[in-house]
Amino acid sequence: MQKKILEGLSNRLLSSLSRDQFDLLSPYISTELFDRDDILIEAGDEIENVYFPLSGMLSLLAVLKDGKAIETATVGRDGAVGAMAGLGVYISQVRVVVRFTAQLIKIPASRFRKVAAKSEAIRDLGIKYNENLLSQARITAACNTVHLIEPRFCRWLLRATDQAESDSIYLTQEFLAGTLGVRRTSVTDVARKVQEAGAISYSRGTITVLDRRILERLSCECYATLLEQS
């Protein structure tokens, strides 16, 4: 049967389902708006809801024993959080935080699990996107290990503005330092250099991309790799 793209549904993962498969989920769908820095899921918690972003960006953080949290992947309109709950009770290995104000489709995990038990397409949706998140985590780990701060900073900005679908995003230096695993002073220095190159403007926590071509040139190859594997 030819796949029908769902009109008006902006989450690309859900819109990849045929109409009959989406209709299995639709009775259990609700939408909710979440603010920046809201914690959706804590590491170690059982997944209670599956989230499909319609806007904004979610950050997946590995939480260390000392309380520090390192970003391993991000999720925008191309994906979901908690979809592996379709295979059974699932304990989250990461903290999930709303990075930019986000409207999310929310489906109770218990309902999602019952539908997935009847639908191979929906089971596969969860498995395949989980592989995407694992791939993101591998690329991010390698990038953080071998590349300098400036190209990593540019790679992250490109990815973030793609998923936020906006050239302007609000980010604190503290958050950027934690994401990149560097000191706040290093973030200030790198942001100044990238701004002087004409790629961005940075004022009072708001970063605006002025020239994506420059930003892509300053970024490492990991941005292109992430695009290829998304």
C-alpha atoms as a PDB file:
ATOM      1  CA  MET A   1       0.000   0.000   0.000  1.00  0.00           C
ATOM      2  CA  GLN A   2       1.346   3.424  -0.889  1.00  0.00           C
ATOM      3  CA  LYS A   3       2.346   5.419   2.170  1.00  0.00           C
ATOM      4  CA  LYS A   4       0.186   8.446   2.847  1.00  0.00           C
ATOM      5  CA  ILE A   5       1.849  11.442   4.445  1.00  0.00           C
ATOM      6  CA  LEU A   6      -0.352  12.955   7.108  1.00  0.00           C
ATOM      7  CA  GLU A   7      -1.323  16.491   6.239  1.00  0.00           C
ATOM      8  CA  GLY A   8      -0.735  19.111   8.918  1.00  0.00           C
ATOM      9  CA  LEU A   9       1.339  16.819  11.163  1.00  0.00           C
ATOM     10  CA  SER A  10       4.761  18.384  11.631  1.00  0.00           C
ATOM     11  CA  ASN A  11       6.530  15.528  13.407  1.00  0.00           C
ATOM     12  CA  ARG A  12       8.308  13.749  10.576  1.00  0.00           C
ATOM     13  CA  LEU A  13       8.549  10.435  12.389  1.00  0.00           C
ATOM     14  CA  LEU A  14       4.792  10.188  12.877  1.00  0.00           C
ATOM     15  CA  SER A  15       4.062  11.565   9.421  1.00  0.00           C
ATOM     16  CA  SER A  16       6.067   8.678   7.943  1.00  0.00           C
ATOM     17  CA  LEU A  17       3.306   6.311   9.078  1.00  0.00           C
ATOM     18  CA  SER A  18       0.502   5.389   6.732  1.00  0.00           C
ATOM     19  CA  ARG A  19      -2.909   6.723   7.654  1.00  0.00           C
ATOM     20  CA  ASP A  20      -4.195   3.407   8.980  1.00  0.00           C
ATOM     21  CA  GLN A  21      -1.166   2.986  11.255  1.00  0.00           C
ATOM     22  CA  PHE A  22      -1.387   6.542  12.556  1.00  0.00           C
ATOM     23  CA  ASP A  23      -5.085   6.044  13.257  1.00  0.00           C
ATOM     24  CA  LEU A  24      -4.146   3.318  15.750  1.00  0.00           C
ATOM     25  CA  LEU A  25      -2.339   5.972  17.825  1.00  0.00           C
ATOM     26  CA  SER A  26      -4.599   8.978  17.280  1.00  0.00           C
ATOM     27  CA  PRO A  27      -7.153   8.176  20.055  1.00  0.00           C
ATOM     28  CA  TYR A  28      -4.370   8.453  22.656  1.00  0.00           C
ATOM     29  CA  ILE A  29      -2.685  11.626  21.403  1.00  0.00           C
ATOM     30  CA  SER A  30      -2.643  14.890  23.325  1.00  0.00           C
ATOM     31  CA  THR A  31      -0.480  17.966  22.805  1.00  0.00           C
ATOM     32  CA  GLU A  32       1.236  20.043  25.455  1.00  0.00           C
ATOM     33  CA  LEU A  33       3.486  23.098  25.504  1.00  0.00           C
ATOM     34  CA  PHE A  34       6.652  22.871  27.612  1.00  0.00           C
ATOM     35  CA  ASP A  35       8.956  25.682  28.691  1.00  0.00           C
ATOM     36  CA  ARG A  36      12.705  25.881  28.301  1.00  0.00           C
ATOM     37  CA  ASP A  37      14.563  23.817  30.942  1.00  0.00           C
ATOM     38  CA  ASP A  38      11.519  21.685  31.834  1.00  0.00           C
ATOM     39  CA  ILE A  39      12.631  18.142  32.700  1.00  0.00           C
ATOM     40  CA  LEU A  40      10.464  15.599  30.875  1.00  0.00           C
ATOM     41  CA  ILE A  41      12.188  12.433  32.058  1.00  0.00           C
ATOM     42  CA  GLU A  42      14.812  11.813  34.714  1.00  0.00           C
ATOM     43  CA  ALA A  43      17.544   9.210  34.313  1.00  0.00           C
ATOM     44  CA  GLY A  44      16.486   6.009  36.066  1.00  0.00           C
ATOM     45  CA  ASP A  45      12.759   6.706  35.734  1.00  0.00           C
ATOM     46  CA  GLU A  46      10.326   4.394  34.009  1.00  0.00           C
ATOM     47  CA  ILE A  47       9.068   5.930  30.772  1.00  0.00           C
ATOM     48  CA  GLU A  48       5.484   7.045  31.389  1.00  0.00           C
ATOM     49  CA  ASN A  49       4.906   8.981  28.161  1.00  0.00           C
ATOM     50  CA  VAL A  50       6.260   8.910  24.631  1.00  0.00           C
ATOM     51  CA  TYR A  51       6.943  12.396  23.225  1.00  0.00           C
ATOM     52  CA  PHE A  52       6.979  13.490  19.585  1.00  0.00           C
ATOM     53  CA  PRO A  53       8.120  17.124  19.148  1.00  0.00           C
ATOM     54  CA  LEU A  54       6.087  19.400  16.908  1.00  0.00           C
ATOM     55  CA  SER A  55       8.440  22.305  17.612  1.00  0.00           C
ATOM     56  CA  GLY A  56      11.461  23.134  19.747  1.00  0.00           C
ATOM     57  CA  MET A  57      14.296  20.826  20.760  1.00  0.00           C
ATOM     58  CA  LEU A  58      14.871  18.230  23.468  1.00  0.00           C
ATOM     59  CA  SER A  59      18.283  17.458  24.935  1.00  0.00           C
ATOM     60  CA  LEU A  60      19.274  13.965  26.109  1.00  0.00           C
ATOM     61  CA  LEU A  61      21.796  14.101  28.947  1.00  0.00           C
ATOM     62  CA  ALA A  62      23.927  11.388  30.483  1.00  0.00           C
ATOM     63  CA  VAL A  63      24.055  12.113  34.230  1.00  0.00           C
ATOM     64  CA  LEU A  64      27.356  11.380  35.968  1.00  0.00           C
ATOM     65  CA  LYS A  65      27.797  10.377  39.608  1.00  0.00           C
ATOM     66  CA  ASP A  66      29.072  13.847  40.525  1.00  0.00           C
ATOM     67  CA  GLY A  67      25.850  15.377  39.178  1.00  0.00           C
ATOM     68  CA  LYS A  68      27.297  16.726  35.956  1.00  0.00           C
ATOM     69  CA  ALA A  69      25.196  16.109  32.869  1.00  0.00           C
ATOM     70  CA  ILE A  70      26.669  15.681  29.376  1.00  0.00           C
ATOM     71  CA  GLU A  71      24.551  15.975  26.258  1.00  0.00           C
ATOM     72  CA  THR A  72      24.593  12.827  24.128  1.00  0.00           C
ATOM     73  CA  ALA A  73      21.906  13.640  21.532  1.00  0.00           C
ATOM     74  CA  THR A  74      19.161  16.087  20.607  1.00  0.00           C
ATOM     75  CA  VAL A  75      15.637  15.478  19.299  1.00  0.00           C
ATOM     76  CA  GLY A  76      13.513  17.781  17.190  1.00  0.00           C
ATOM     77  CA  ARG A  77      10.589  17.362  14.802  1.00  0.00           C
ATOM     78  CA  ASP A  78      12.432  14.488  13.176  1.00  0.00           C
ATOM     79  CA  GLY A  79      12.155  12.178  16.152  1.00  0.00           C
ATOM     80  CA  ALA A  80      10.748  11.006  19.463  1.00  0.00           C
ATOM     81  CA  VAL A  81      11.694  10.369  23.064  1.00  0.00           C
ATOM     82  CA  GLY A  82      10.673   7.176  24.839  1.00  0.00           C
ATOM     83  CA  ALA A  83       9.548   5.258  21.761  1.00  0.00           C
ATOM     84  CA  MET A  84      11.369   2.118  22.934  1.00  0.00           C
ATOM     85  CA  ALA A  85       8.606   1.824  25.544  1.00  0.00           C
ATOM     86  CA  GLY A  86       6.676   0.241  22.673  1.00  0.00           C
ATOM     87  CA  LEU A  87       8.665  -2.945  23.278  1.00  0.00           C
ATOM     88  CA  GLY A  88       7.991  -3.180  26.996  1.00  0.00           C
ATOM     89  CA  VAL A  89       8.508  -1.361  30.290  1.00  0.00           C
ATOM     90  CA  TYR A  90      11.482   0.884  29.627  1.00  0.00           C
ATOM     91  CA  ILE A  91      13.781   2.654  32.104  1.00  0.00           C
ATOM     92  CA  SER A  92      15.381   5.818  30.795  1.00  0.00           C
ATOM     93  CA  GLN A  93      19.174   5.904  30.761  1.00  0.00           C
ATOM     94  CA  VAL A  94      19.221   9.683  30.229  1.00  0.00           C
ATOM     95  CA  ARG A  95      17.666  12.881  31.530  1.00  0.00           C
ATOM     96  CA  VAL A  96      15.479  14.569  28.916  1.00  0.00           C
ATOM     97  CA  VAL A  97      15.316  18.367  29.108  1.00  0.00           C
ATOM     98  CA  VAL A  98      13.413  20.872  26.977  1.00  0.00           C
ATOM     99  CA  ARG A  99      16.125  23.073  25.505  1.00  0.00           C
ATOM    100  CA  PHE A 100      13.875  25.458  23.571  1.00  0.00           C
ATOM    101  CA  THR A 101      10.158  25.985  24.252  1.00  0.00           C
ATOM    102  CA  ALA A 102       8.496  22.982  22.640  1.00  0.00           C
ATOM    103  CA  GLN A 103       5.046  21.789  21.656  1.00  0.00           C
ATOM    104  CA  LEU A 104       4.969  18.034  22.033  1.00  0.00           C
ATOM    105  CA  ILE A 105       2.616  15.229  21.135  1.00  0.00           C
ATOM    106  CA  LYS A 106       2.279  13.059  24.222  1.00  0.00           C
ATOM    107  CA  ILE A 107       1.106   9.435  24.216  1.00  0.00           C
ATOM    108  CA  PRO A 108       0.910   7.375  27.438  1.00  0.00           C
ATOM    109  CA  ALA A 109       3.558   4.655  27.274  1.00  0.00           C
ATOM    110  CA  SER A 110       1.054   1.963  28.267  1.00  0.00           C
ATOM    111  CA  ARG A 111      -1.198   2.898  25.314  1.00  0.00           C
ATOM    112  CA  PHE A 112       1.740   3.162  22.934  1.00  0.00           C
ATOM    113  CA  ARG A 113       2.874  -0.310  24.031  1.00  0.00           C
ATOM    114  CA  LYS A 114      -0.550  -1.850  23.330  1.00  0.00           C
ATOM    115  CA  VAL A 115      -0.657  -0.315  19.857  1.00  0.00           C
ATOM    116  CA  ALA A 116       2.916  -1.393  19.101  1.00  0.00           C
ATOM    117  CA  ALA A 117       2.028  -4.969  20.023  1.00  0.00           C
ATOM    118  CA  LYS A 118      -0.432  -4.947  17.101  1.00  0.00           C
ATOM    119  CA  SER A 119       1.624  -2.914  14.635  1.00  0.00           C
ATOM    120  CA  GLU A 120       4.988  -3.908  13.189  1.00  0.00           C
ATOM    121  CA  ALA A 121       5.318  -0.449  11.607  1.00  0.00           C
ATOM    122  CA  ILE A 122       5.044   1.288  14.979  1.00  0.00           C
ATOM    123  CA  ARG A 123       7.439  -1.171  16.634  1.00  0.00           C
ATOM    124  CA  ASP A 124       9.937  -0.551  13.848  1.00  0.00           C
ATOM    125  CA  LEU A 125       9.505   3.198  14.232  1.00  0.00           C
ATOM    126  CA  GLY A 126      10.771   2.988  17.820  1.00  0.00           C
ATOM    127  CA  ILE A 127      13.636   0.607  17.034  1.00  0.00           C
ATOM    128  CA  LYS A 128      14.927   2.543  14.035  1.00  0.00           C
ATOM    129  CA  TYR A 129      14.841   5.902  15.784  1.00  0.00           C
ATOM    130  CA  ASN A 130      16.587   4.443  18.823  1.00  0.00           C
ATOM    131  CA  GLU A 131      19.378   3.401  16.441  1.00  0.00           C
ATOM    132  CA  ASN A 132      19.482   7.008  15.228  1.00  0.00           C
ATOM    133  CA  LEU A 133      19.911   8.264  18.812  1.00  0.00           C
ATOM    134  CA  LEU A 134      22.696   5.746  19.442  1.00  0.00           C
ATOM    135  CA  SER A 135      24.414   6.916  16.274  1.00  0.00           C
ATOM    136  CA  GLN A 136      24.111  10.531  17.422  1.00  0.00           C
ATOM    137  CA  ALA A 137      25.642   9.606  20.763  1.00  0.00           C
ATOM    138  CA  ARG A 138      28.594   7.871  19.093  1.00  0.00           C
ATOM    139  CA  ILE A 139      29.284  10.799  16.772  1.00  0.00           C
ATOM    140  CA  THR A 140      28.969  13.314  19.622  1.00  0.00           C
ATOM    141  CA  ALA A 141      31.332  11.311  21.834  1.00  0.00           C
ATOM    142  CA  ALA A 142      33.924  11.089  19.063  1.00  0.00           C
ATOM    143  CA  CYS A 143      33.538  14.785  18.243  1.00  0.00           C
ATOM    144  CA  ASN A 144      33.994  15.831  21.867  1.00  0.00           C
ATOM    145  CA  THR A 145      37.124  13.688  22.090  1.00  0.00           C
ATOM    146  CA  VAL A 146      39.037  14.665  18.960  1.00  0.00           C
ATOM    147  CA  HIS A 147      37.848  18.107  17.852  1.00  0.00           C
ATOM    148  CA  LEU A 148      38.682  21.546  19.231  1.00  0.00           C
ATOM    149  CA  ILE A 149      36.122  23.719  21.011  1.00  0.00           C
ATOM    150  CA  GLU A 150      35.447  26.121  18.130  1.00  0.00           C
ATOM    151  CA  PRO A 151      34.349  23.552  15.509  1.00  0.00           C
ATOM    152  CA  ARG A 152      32.317  21.702  18.157  1.00  0.00           C
ATOM    153  CA  PHE A 153      30.619  24.964  19.140  1.00  0.00           C
ATOM    154  CA  CYS A 154      29.744  25.631  15.479  1.00  0.00           C
ATOM    155  CA  ARG A 155      28.550  22.053  14.938  1.00  0.00           C
ATOM    156  CA  TRP A 156      26.244  22.319  17.940  1.00  0.00           C
ATOM    157  CA  LEU A 157      24.824  25.690  16.835  1.00  0.00           C
ATOM    158  CA  LEU A 158      24.078  24.380  13.355  1.00  0.00           C
ATOM    159  CA  ARG A 159      22.316  21.346  14.767  1.00  0.00           C
ATOM    160  CA  ALA A 160      20.393  23.394  17.331  1.00  0.00           C
ATOM    161  CA  THR A 161      19.155  26.011  14.876  1.00  0.00           C
ATOM    162  CA  ASP A 162      18.122  23.238  12.478  1.00  0.00           C
ATOM    163  CA  GLN A 163      16.002  21.557  15.124  1.00  0.00           C
ATOM    164  CA  ALA A 164      14.654  24.785  16.617  1.00  0.00           C
ATOM    165  CA  GLU A 165      13.909  25.947  13.046  1.00  0.00           C
ATOM    166  CA  SER A 166      15.057  29.418  13.954  1.00  0.00           C
ATOM    167  CA  ASP A 167      18.212  31.418  13.299  1.00  0.00           C
ATOM    168  CA  SER A 168      17.967  32.937  16.794  1.00  0.00           C
ATOM    169  CA  ILE A 169      18.169  30.881  19.980  1.00  0.00           C
ATOM    170  CA  TYR A 170      18.617  31.763  23.645  1.00  0.00           C
ATOM    171  CA  LEU A 171      21.409  29.915  25.434  1.00  0.00           C
ATOM    172  CA  THR A 172      23.195  30.638  28.697  1.00  0.00           C
ATOM    173  CA  GLN A 173      26.967  30.385  28.889  1.00  0.00           C
ATOM    174  CA  GLU A 174      26.534  27.874  31.697  1.00  0.00           C
ATOM    175  CA  PHE A 175      24.494  25.582  29.469  1.00  0.00           C
ATOM    176  CA  LEU A 176      26.907  25.868  26.550  1.00  0.00           C
ATOM    177  CA  ALA A 177      29.867  25.179  28.825  1.00  0.00           C
ATOM    178  CA  GLY A 178      28.174  22.037  30.153  1.00  0.00           C
ATOM    179  CA  THR A 179      27.210  20.878  26.671  1.00  0.00           C
ATOM    180  CA  LEU A 180      30.716  21.324  25.297  1.00  0.00           C
ATOM    181  CA  GLY A 181      32.451  20.167  28.484  1.00  0.00           C
ATOM    182  CA  VAL A 182      34.486  23.358  28.841  1.00  0.00           C
ATOM    183  CA  ARG A 183      34.748  26.394  31.124  1.00  0.00           C
ATOM    184  CA  ARG A 184      32.423  29.367  30.725  1.00  0.00           C
ATOM    185  CA  THR A 185      35.399  31.566  29.845  1.00  0.00           C
ATOM    186  CA  SER A 186      36.166  29.230  26.942  1.00  0.00           C
ATOM    187  CA  VAL A 187      32.612  29.651  25.651  1.00  0.00           C
ATOM    188  CA  THR A 188      33.016  33.439  25.800  1.00  0.00           C
ATOM    189  CA  ASP A 189      36.280  33.284  23.856  1.00  0.00           C
ATOM    190  CA  VAL A 190      34.925  30.939  21.189  1.00  0.00           C
ATOM    191  CA  ALA A 191      31.669  32.879  20.744  1.00  0.00           C
ATOM    192  CA  ARG A 192      33.686  36.072  20.298  1.00  0.00           C
ATOM    193  CA  LYS A 193      35.889  34.479  17.615  1.00  0.00           C
ATOM    194  CA  VAL A 194      32.908  33.079  15.716  1.00  0.00           C
ATOM    195  CA  GLN A 195      31.172  36.456  15.970  1.00  0.00           C
ATOM    196  CA  GLU A 196      34.274  38.249  14.666  1.00  0.00           C
ATOM    197  CA  ALA A 197      34.273  35.851  11.706  1.00  0.00           C
ATOM    198  CA  GLY A 198      30.806  37.156  10.804  1.00  0.00           C
ATOM    199  CA  ALA A 199      28.962  33.892  11.401  1.00  0.00           C
ATOM    200  CA  ILE A 200      26.865  34.923  14.423  1.00  0.00           C
ATOM    201  CA  SER A 201      25.871  37.743  16.715  1.00  0.00           C
ATOM    202  CA  TYR A 202      25.815  37.025  20.437  1.00  0.00           C
ATOM    203  CA  SER A 203      24.214  39.371  22.939  1.00  0.00           C
ATOM    204  CA  ARG A 204      22.665  38.747  26.364  1.00  0.00           C
ATOM    205  CA  GLY A 205      22.386  35.033  25.807  1.00  0.00           C
ATOM    206  CA  THR A 206      20.784  35.252  22.369  1.00  0.00           C
ATOM    207  CA  ILE A 207      22.763  33.791  19.494  1.00  0.00           C
ATOM    208  CA  THR A 208      21.666  34.724  15.975  1.00  0.00           C
ATOM    209  CA  VAL A 209      23.153  32.972  12.967  1.00  0.00           C
ATOM    210  CA  LEU A 210      24.074  35.629  10.402  1.00  0.00           C
ATOM    211  CA  ASP A 211      25.856  33.486   7.820  1.00  0.00           C
ATOM    212  CA  ARG A 212      25.382  29.722   7.803  1.00  0.00           C
ATOM    213  CA  ARG A 213      28.044  29.240   5.129  1.00  0.00           C
ATOM    214  CA  ILE A 214      30.689  30.686   7.426  1.00  0.00           C
ATOM    215  CA  LEU A 215      29.363  28.668  10.352  1.00  0.00           C
ATOM    216  CA  GLU A 216      29.483  25.454   8.295  1.00  0.00           C
ATOM    217  CA  ARG A 217      33.045  26.251   7.215  1.00  0.00           C
ATOM    218  CA  LEU A 218      34.101  26.733  10.840  1.00  0.00           C
ATOM    219  CA  SER A 219      32.327  23.544  11.961  1.00  0.00           C
ATOM    220  CA  CYS A 220      33.864  20.082  11.973  1.00  0.00           C
ATOM    221  CA  GLU A 221      32.688  17.362   9.589  1.00  0.00           C
ATOM    222  CA  CYS A 222      30.487  15.898  12.338  1.00  0.00           C
ATOM    223  CA  TYR A 223      27.627  18.237  11.397  1.00  0.00           C
ATOM    224  CA  ALA A 224      27.474  16.768   7.883  1.00  0.00           C
ATOM    225  CA  THR A 225      27.789  13.253   9.346  1.00  0.00           C
ATOM    226  CA  LEU A 226      24.833  13.867  11.653  1.00  0.00           C
ATOM    227  CA  LEU A 227      22.754  15.125   8.725  1.00  0.00           C
ATOM    228  CA  GLU A 228      23.599  12.037   6.672  1.00  0.00           C
ATOM    229  CA  GLN A 229      22.591   9.666   9.446  1.00  0.00           C
ATOM    230  CA  SER A 230      19.412  11.450  10.564  1.00  0.00           C
END
